[in-house]
């Protein structure tokens, strides 16, 4: 029998967002680089050209192991 490798997904679980997801969010913080930041079920999402308090509709454009990047639509 061979053992299957689960990769990082099997270790940390699935992410609450995927590329293409559209969400209504409120920007809660500013990142060190100046991008807006929100959290979806605790998962960090960076949103360029936003600031805390902005209520925006976003589309997830990139998902990394520890964060995602989105754009305002």
C-alpha atoms as a PDB file:
ATOM      1  CA  UNK A   1       0.000   0.000   0.000  1.00  0.00           C
ATOM      2  CA  UNK A   2       1.205   3.476  -0.778  1.00  0.00           C
ATOM      3  CA  UNK A   3       0.667   6.476   1.431  1.00  0.00           C
ATOM      4  CA  UNK A   4      -1.002   9.518  -0.084  1.00  0.00           C
ATOM      5  CA  UNK A   5       0.463  12.931   0.538  1.00  0.00           C
ATOM      6  CA  UNK A   6      -2.191  15.408   1.534  1.00  0.00           C
ATOM      7  CA  UNK A   7      -0.047  18.496   1.139  1.00  0.00           C
ATOM      8  CA  UNK A   8      -0.633  21.717   3.045  1.00  0.00           C
ATOM      9  CA  UNK A   9      -4.422  21.513   2.583  1.00  0.00           C
ATOM     10  CA  UNK A  10      -4.533  18.288   4.553  1.00  0.00           C
ATOM     11  CA  UNK A  11      -2.508  19.809   7.358  1.00  0.00           C
ATOM     12  CA  UNK A  12      -4.238  23.156   7.844  1.00  0.00           C
ATOM     13  CA  UNK A  13      -7.653  22.379   6.409  1.00  0.00           C
ATOM     14  CA  UNK A  14      -9.530  24.030   3.611  1.00  0.00           C
ATOM     15  CA  UNK A  15      -9.700  27.789   3.216  1.00  0.00           C
ATOM     16  CA  UNK A  16     -12.984  29.716   3.578  1.00  0.00           C
ATOM     17  CA  UNK A  17     -12.478  31.461   0.196  1.00  0.00           C
ATOM     18  CA  UNK A  18     -11.505  30.422  -3.312  1.00  0.00           C
ATOM     19  CA  UNK A  19     -10.542  32.297  -6.476  1.00  0.00           C
ATOM     20  CA  UNK A  20     -13.637  33.826  -8.045  1.00  0.00           C
ATOM     21  CA  UNK A  21     -15.673  34.110  -4.839  1.00  0.00           C
ATOM     22  CA  UNK A  22     -17.605  37.393  -4.560  1.00  0.00           C
ATOM     23  CA  UNK A  23     -18.270  38.721  -1.059  1.00  0.00           C
ATOM     24  CA  UNK A  24     -19.638  41.825   0.662  1.00  0.00           C
ATOM     25  CA  UNK A  25     -17.171  42.816   3.388  1.00  0.00           C
ATOM     26  CA  UNK A  26     -16.145  45.663   5.661  1.00  0.00           C
ATOM     27  CA  UNK A  27     -12.471  46.607   5.688  1.00  0.00           C
ATOM     28  CA  UNK A  28     -11.296  46.435   9.310  1.00  0.00           C
ATOM     29  CA  UNK A  29      -7.548  47.112   9.236  1.00  0.00           C
ATOM     30  CA  UNK A  30      -4.644  48.415   7.164  1.00  0.00           C
ATOM     31  CA  UNK A  31      -1.763  46.111   6.265  1.00  0.00           C
ATOM     32  CA  UNK A  32       1.890  47.086   6.643  1.00  0.00           C
ATOM     33  CA  UNK A  33       1.933  47.816   2.899  1.00  0.00           C
ATOM     34  CA  UNK A  34      -1.131  50.071   3.159  1.00  0.00           C
ATOM     35  CA  UNK A  35      -3.712  47.688   1.683  1.00  0.00           C
ATOM     36  CA  UNK A  36      -7.095  47.280   3.321  1.00  0.00           C
ATOM     37  CA  UNK A  37      -7.535  44.062   5.255  1.00  0.00           C
ATOM     38  CA  UNK A  38     -10.566  42.042   6.281  1.00  0.00           C
ATOM     39  CA  UNK A  39     -11.037  38.549   7.640  1.00  0.00           C
ATOM     40  CA  UNK A  40     -13.367  35.853   6.355  1.00  0.00           C
ATOM     41  CA  UNK A  41     -13.899  33.252   9.085  1.00  0.00           C
ATOM     42  CA  UNK A  42     -10.528  34.341  10.496  1.00  0.00           C
ATOM     43  CA  UNK A  43      -8.735  34.048   7.141  1.00  0.00           C
ATOM     44  CA  UNK A  44      -6.914  37.247   6.094  1.00  0.00           C
ATOM     45  CA  UNK A  45      -7.950  38.920   2.835  1.00  0.00           C
ATOM     46  CA  UNK A  46      -5.985  41.903   1.478  1.00  0.00           C
ATOM     47  CA  UNK A  47      -7.889  44.476  -0.593  1.00  0.00           C
ATOM     48  CA  UNK A  48      -5.746  47.150  -2.306  1.00  0.00           C
ATOM     49  CA  UNK A  49      -7.004  50.757  -2.466  1.00  0.00           C
ATOM     50  CA  UNK A  50      -9.353  50.465   0.511  1.00  0.00           C
ATOM     51  CA  UNK A  51      -9.296  51.735   4.076  1.00  0.00           C
ATOM     52  CA  UNK A  52     -10.880  50.732   7.402  1.00  0.00           C
ATOM     53  CA  UNK A  53     -14.620  51.313   7.433  1.00  0.00           C
ATOM     54  CA  UNK A  54     -15.068  50.840   3.680  1.00  0.00           C
ATOM     55  CA  UNK A  55     -17.999  48.548   2.828  1.00  0.00           C
ATOM     56  CA  UNK A  56     -17.113  46.903  -0.468  1.00  0.00           C
ATOM     57  CA  UNK A  57     -18.018  44.010  -2.739  1.00  0.00           C
ATOM     58  CA  UNK A  58     -14.881  42.043  -3.554  1.00  0.00           C
ATOM     59  CA  UNK A  59     -13.785  39.235  -5.838  1.00  0.00           C
ATOM     60  CA  UNK A  60     -11.038  36.877  -4.659  1.00  0.00           C
ATOM     61  CA  UNK A  61      -8.208  36.912  -7.220  1.00  0.00           C
ATOM     62  CA  UNK A  62      -5.462  34.909  -5.495  1.00  0.00           C
ATOM     63  CA  UNK A  63      -5.422  32.441  -2.606  1.00  0.00           C
ATOM     64  CA  UNK A  64      -2.202  31.627  -0.754  1.00  0.00           C
ATOM     65  CA  UNK A  65      -1.676  29.280   2.207  1.00  0.00           C
ATOM     66  CA  UNK A  66      -2.116  32.030   4.823  1.00  0.00           C
ATOM     67  CA  UNK A  67      -4.019  34.803   3.056  1.00  0.00           C
ATOM     68  CA  UNK A  68      -5.975  35.839  -0.023  1.00  0.00           C
ATOM     69  CA  UNK A  69      -5.956  38.888  -2.277  1.00  0.00           C
ATOM     70  CA  UNK A  70      -9.116  40.465  -3.646  1.00  0.00           C
ATOM     71  CA  UNK A  71     -10.183  43.350  -5.825  1.00  0.00           C
ATOM     72  CA  UNK A  72     -13.154  45.666  -5.425  1.00  0.00           C
ATOM     73  CA  UNK A  73     -15.858  45.012  -8.018  1.00  0.00           C
END
